[in-house]
């Protein structure tokens, strides 16, 4: 009898690509030294894995009303030339909008965010004005900024529409990345710390550790850092551990603009081709 060859084993489906986006908030002259310390720490972790780490820097043009200095702008140019992404992060990072309408809003804007949620209560015209100033500042200095991330991820409905109309490629909430202007959303929960008090640090360390465990199979990790994180040893250790875990698991570092372009838009195109 003729031998019948064994049927070929079906190939295992390729594992879905996974990524990590490292985002540094509140980049401004006042926070510049802490930002550089954080970036140095992150580079050291990436170097151990032989990975080139490029991050997204959320830049505030006039931090608390103070204009950006020339040395700081030169540093932004060096960061951009090195492959890091710059994104607009408000204009002043101060919530000077109209008074809160109720206790919940007052708590959110004055306690939870310590008065930093600049776009939390702006009307459409004022939001458009601030966005235009920020974009004009970046354009004048030849700083490319495709995305806008509001301080504390807070936007009023009117501010949200203003961002959609202002020509940015993406924005973010605490738990999503939003492709503009269409509004496609990618679920990606932020791994972010709170450092303003000891009890906040303890709770956020526990929360971030649990969240990283629960999201270990998620396609995208968002490691969202603030300059003050570098001042606390326990948070520094946690950040190093999280980035080490992400890179050891084979997550590819992406900047937010790459997430929007390569993951969100490519995913939509693939879905349309398969339909």
Protein backbone atom coordinates (compact mmCIF):
# COMPACT_ATOMS: atom_id res chain seq x y z
CA UNK A 1 0.00 0.00 0.00
CA UNK A 2 1.27 3.47 -0.76
CA UNK A 3 2.31 5.40 2.26
CA UNK A 4 0.19 8.33 3.11
CA UNK A 5 2.22 11.23 4.43
CA UNK A 6 1.09 12.68 7.68
CA UNK A 7 -0.93 15.84 7.13
CA UNK A 8 1.13 18.91 7.90
CA UNK A 9 0.64 20.35 11.32
CA UNK A 10 -1.19 23.60 11.22
CA UNK A 11 1.14 26.46 11.99
CA UNK A 12 0.56 28.22 15.23
CA UNK A 13 -1.00 31.62 14.72
CA UNK A 14 1.50 34.40 15.16
CA UNK A 15 1.27 36.16 18.46
CA UNK A 16 -0.33 39.56 18.22
CA UNK A 17 2.28 42.32 18.51
CA UNK A 18 2.43 44.07 21.84
CA UNK A 19 3.77 47.51 22.58
CA UNK A 20 4.68 49.92 25.36
CA UNK A 21 4.33 53.69 25.11
CA UNK A 22 6.36 55.73 27.60
CA UNK A 23 4.93 59.23 28.05
CA UNK A 24 6.53 62.00 30.11
CA UNK A 25 4.10 64.71 31.23
CA UNK A 26 4.62 68.34 32.24
CA UNK A 27 7.80 68.99 30.26
CA UNK A 28 8.71 72.62 30.92
CA UNK A 29 11.70 74.70 32.09
CA UNK A 30 10.59 74.37 35.73
CA UNK A 31 10.59 70.56 35.50
CA UNK A 32 13.51 70.22 33.11
CA UNK A 33 16.09 68.81 35.57
CA UNK A 34 13.67 66.13 36.81
CA UNK A 35 12.69 65.27 33.23
CA UNK A 36 16.33 64.68 32.30
CA UNK A 37 16.86 62.47 35.36
CA UNK A 38 13.83 60.37 34.44
CA UNK A 39 14.93 60.02 30.84
CA UNK A 40 18.41 58.96 31.94
CA UNK A 41 16.90 56.29 34.21
CA UNK A 42 14.68 55.00 31.39
CA UNK A 43 17.58 54.87 28.94
CA UNK A 44 19.60 52.78 31.40
CA UNK A 45 16.81 50.18 31.58
CA UNK A 46 16.42 50.10 27.80
CA UNK A 47 20.19 49.77 27.36
CA UNK A 48 20.16 46.53 29.38
CA UNK A 49 17.76 45.11 26.80
CA UNK A 50 19.67 46.54 23.83
CA UNK A 51 16.57 48.54 22.91
CA UNK A 52 16.41 52.08 21.60
CA UNK A 53 13.77 53.80 23.70
CA UNK A 54 12.00 56.79 22.21
CA UNK A 55 9.35 58.43 24.32
CA UNK A 56 6.58 61.00 23.95
CA UNK A 57 7.28 64.30 25.74
CA UNK A 58 4.20 66.33 26.66
CA UNK A 59 5.35 69.93 26.40
CA UNK A 60 3.79 72.96 28.14
CA UNK A 61 4.72 76.16 26.23
CA UNK A 62 4.04 78.61 29.11
CA UNK A 63 4.15 76.60 32.34
CA UNK A 64 2.12 78.55 34.95
CA UNK A 65 2.45 81.62 32.76
CA UNK A 66 6.25 81.52 32.43
CA UNK A 67 7.54 81.46 28.83
CA UNK A 68 9.90 78.74 27.69
CA UNK A 69 13.58 79.64 27.88
CA UNK A 70 16.02 79.44 24.98
CA UNK A 71 18.15 76.66 26.54
CA UNK A 72 15.01 74.61 27.14
CA UNK A 73 13.86 75.05 23.53
CA UNK A 74 17.31 73.99 22.30
CA UNK A 75 16.97 70.84 24.41
CA UNK A 76 13.56 70.14 22.87
CA UNK A 77 15.18 70.34 19.46
CA UNK A 78 17.84 67.84 20.55
CA UNK A 79 15.15 65.51 21.86
CA UNK A 80 13.24 65.78 18.59
CA UNK A 81 16.40 65.13 16.56
CA UNK A 82 17.11 62.07 18.73
CA UNK A 83 13.76 60.60 17.70
CA UNK A 84 11.60 61.46 20.69
CA UNK A 85 8.10 62.77 19.99
CA UNK A 86 6.83 66.13 21.21
CA UNK A 87 3.12 66.67 21.88
CA UNK A 88 1.24 69.71 23.14
CA UNK A 89 0.16 69.49 26.77
CA UNK A 90 -2.00 72.56 27.28
CA UNK A 91 -0.73 76.12 27.26
CA UNK A 92 -0.15 76.99 30.93
CA UNK A 93 -1.19 73.79 32.76
CA UNK A 94 -3.33 75.90 35.12
CA UNK A 95 -7.09 75.59 35.57
CA UNK A 96 -8.26 79.22 35.45
CA UNK A 97 -11.62 78.38 33.91
CA UNK A 98 -15.04 79.38 35.29
CA UNK A 99 -15.97 78.31 38.84
CA UNK A 100 -17.01 74.71 39.43
CA UNK A 101 -20.75 74.07 39.13
CA UNK A 102 -21.07 71.48 41.91
CA UNK A 103 -19.17 69.67 44.66
CA UNK A 104 -18.04 66.82 42.40
CA UNK A 105 -16.57 69.17 39.81
CA UNK A 106 -14.97 71.28 42.54
CA UNK A 107 -13.32 68.18 44.03
CA UNK A 108 -12.15 66.98 40.62
CA UNK A 109 -10.64 70.32 39.61
CA UNK A 110 -9.28 71.57 42.94
CA UNK A 111 -8.41 68.46 44.93
CA UNK A 112 -7.88 65.56 42.55
CA UNK A 113 -5.90 67.65 40.03
CA UNK A 114 -4.72 70.45 42.37
CA UNK A 115 -5.93 73.11 39.96
CA UNK A 116 -3.87 71.79 37.03
CA UNK A 117 -6.67 70.62 34.69
CA UNK A 118 -6.43 73.55 32.31
CA UNK A 119 -9.01 72.33 29.77
CA UNK A 120 -11.49 70.89 32.28
CA UNK A 121 -14.01 73.75 32.05
CA UNK A 122 -13.10 75.84 29.01
CA UNK A 123 -15.68 76.91 26.47
CA UNK A 124 -15.15 76.25 22.77
CA UNK A 125 -13.75 79.66 21.87
CA UNK A 126 -11.26 79.79 24.74
CA UNK A 127 -10.11 76.23 24.10
CA UNK A 128 -9.58 77.03 20.40
CA UNK A 129 -7.62 80.16 21.36
CA UNK A 130 -5.23 78.29 23.64
CA UNK A 131 -4.74 75.48 21.17
CA UNK A 132 -3.99 78.01 18.41
CA UNK A 133 -1.40 79.78 20.58
CA UNK A 134 0.27 76.49 21.44
CA UNK A 135 0.38 75.33 17.83
CA UNK A 136 1.68 78.70 16.63
CA UNK A 137 4.44 78.57 19.27
CA UNK A 138 5.49 75.10 18.14
CA UNK A 139 5.33 76.03 14.45
CA UNK A 140 7.44 79.16 14.96
CA UNK A 141 10.12 77.11 16.72
CA UNK A 142 9.97 74.23 14.19
CA UNK A 143 8.81 71.77 16.83
CA UNK A 144 6.56 69.07 15.37
CA UNK A 145 3.54 68.33 17.58
CA UNK A 146 0.99 65.97 16.00
CA UNK A 147 -0.88 65.23 19.23
CA UNK A 148 -2.57 67.07 22.07
CA UNK A 149 -2.93 65.56 25.55
CA UNK A 150 -4.84 67.78 28.03
CA UNK A 151 -3.43 68.28 31.52
CA UNK A 152 -4.78 65.60 33.86
CA UNK A 153 -6.57 64.16 30.76
CA UNK A 154 -9.52 66.47 31.54
CA UNK A 155 -11.53 68.22 28.81
CA UNK A 156 -14.94 69.83 28.87
CA UNK A 157 -17.23 68.71 26.01
CA UNK A 158 -16.62 72.07 24.32
CA UNK A 159 -12.85 71.71 24.68
CA UNK A 160 -13.06 68.19 23.26
CA UNK A 161 -14.76 69.53 20.14
CA UNK A 162 -12.16 72.29 19.88
CA UNK A 163 -9.36 69.72 19.94
CA UNK A 164 -11.14 67.69 17.27
CA UNK A 165 -11.36 70.80 15.07
CA UNK A 166 -7.77 71.96 15.59
CA UNK A 167 -5.97 69.57 13.28
CA UNK A 168 -4.30 67.24 15.78
CA UNK A 169 -3.80 63.58 14.86
CA UNK A 170 -4.71 62.25 18.30
CA UNK A 171 -5.59 63.01 21.89
CA UNK A 172 -5.81 60.88 25.03
CA UNK A 173 -8.02 60.24 28.02
CA UNK A 174 -6.95 58.38 31.15
CA UNK A 175 -7.91 55.05 29.59
CA UNK A 176 -7.98 55.60 25.82
CA UNK A 177 -6.06 56.95 22.87
CA UNK A 178 -8.33 58.76 20.42
CA UNK A 179 -7.51 59.11 16.73
CA UNK A 180 -8.68 62.43 15.26
CA UNK A 181 -10.77 63.73 13.67
CA UNK A 182 -12.72 60.49 13.26
CA UNK A 183 -12.71 59.69 16.96
CA UNK A 184 -11.57 56.04 16.75
CA UNK A 185 -10.62 54.81 20.22
CA UNK A 186 -8.02 52.37 21.47
CA UNK A 187 -8.46 51.12 25.02
CA UNK A 188 -5.16 51.49 26.91
CA UNK A 189 -5.23 52.16 30.63
CA UNK A 190 -2.63 54.52 32.04
CA UNK A 191 -0.02 53.23 34.47
CA UNK A 192 0.40 56.47 36.38
CA UNK A 193 1.47 57.48 39.89
CA UNK A 194 0.28 60.14 42.32
CA UNK A 195 3.02 61.69 44.46
CA UNK A 196 1.55 64.71 46.24
CA UNK A 197 1.25 62.91 49.62
CA UNK A 198 2.65 59.76 51.20
CA UNK A 199 -0.74 58.03 51.25
CA UNK A 200 -1.22 58.82 47.55
CA UNK A 201 2.16 57.31 46.73
CA UNK A 202 1.39 54.11 48.64
CA UNK A 203 -2.02 53.71 47.05
CA UNK A 204 -0.80 54.46 43.55
CA UNK A 205 2.11 52.01 43.87
CA UNK A 206 -0.33 49.27 44.84
CA UNK A 207 -2.81 50.29 42.13
CA UNK A 208 -0.22 50.46 39.34
CA UNK A 209 1.27 47.10 40.32
CA UNK A 210 -2.17 45.49 40.28
CA UNK A 211 -3.14 47.19 37.03
CA UNK A 212 0.04 46.05 35.30
CA UNK A 213 -0.69 42.47 36.39
CA UNK A 214 -4.30 42.62 35.21
CA UNK A 215 -3.27 44.22 31.88
CA UNK A 216 -0.29 41.94 31.28
CA UNK A 217 -1.81 40.60 28.04
CA UNK A 218 -3.08 43.97 26.81
CA UNK A 219 -1.79 44.98 23.35
CA UNK A 220 -0.54 48.32 24.67
CA UNK A 221 0.90 49.49 27.96
CA UNK A 222 0.92 53.24 28.62
CA UNK A 223 3.59 54.06 31.18
CA UNK A 224 2.70 57.66 32.05
CA UNK A 225 5.29 59.51 34.13
CA UNK A 226 5.49 62.91 35.79
CA UNK A 227 8.69 64.77 36.74
CA UNK A 228 7.99 64.41 40.48
CA UNK A 229 8.11 60.60 40.14
CA UNK A 230 11.90 60.73 40.07
CA UNK A 231 12.01 62.20 43.60
CA UNK A 232 10.68 59.02 45.24
CA UNK A 233 12.80 55.87 45.46
CA UNK A 234 9.86 53.44 45.62
CA UNK A 235 8.32 54.91 42.48
CA UNK A 236 11.66 54.89 40.67
CA UNK A 237 12.01 51.19 41.47
CA UNK A 238 8.48 50.49 40.26
CA UNK A 239 9.03 52.39 37.00
CA UNK A 240 12.26 50.49 36.31
CA UNK A 241 10.54 47.20 37.09
CA UNK A 242 7.59 47.95 34.80
CA UNK A 243 9.77 49.00 31.88
CA UNK A 244 12.04 45.98 32.40
CA UNK A 245 9.01 43.68 32.39
CA UNK A 246 7.59 45.28 29.25
CA UNK A 247 10.87 44.96 27.33
CA UNK A 248 11.61 41.46 28.65
CA UNK A 249 8.16 40.40 27.41
CA UNK A 250 9.05 41.63 23.94
CA UNK A 251 6.91 44.75 23.92
CA UNK A 252 8.07 47.17 21.24
CA UNK A 253 8.41 50.79 22.40
CA UNK A 254 6.20 53.15 20.40
CA UNK A 255 5.59 56.87 20.61
CA UNK A 256 1.95 57.95 20.81
CA UNK A 257 1.96 59.19 17.21
CA UNK A 258 3.19 55.75 16.14
CA UNK A 259 0.39 54.10 18.12
CA UNK A 260 -2.14 56.25 16.29
CA UNK A 261 -0.56 55.71 12.88
CA UNK A 262 0.71 52.13 13.01
CA UNK A 263 -1.73 50.45 15.39
CA UNK A 264 -5.00 52.36 15.16
CA UNK A 265 -5.02 53.40 11.49
CA UNK A 266 -3.41 50.18 10.30
CA UNK A 267 -5.91 48.17 12.34
CA UNK A 268 -8.79 50.04 10.75
CA UNK A 269 -7.36 49.49 7.27
CA UNK A 270 -6.94 45.76 7.91
CA UNK A 271 -10.50 45.49 9.18
CA UNK A 272 -11.80 47.25 6.07
CA UNK A 273 -9.74 44.97 3.79
CA UNK A 274 -11.11 41.88 5.51
CA UNK A 275 -14.74 43.03 5.29
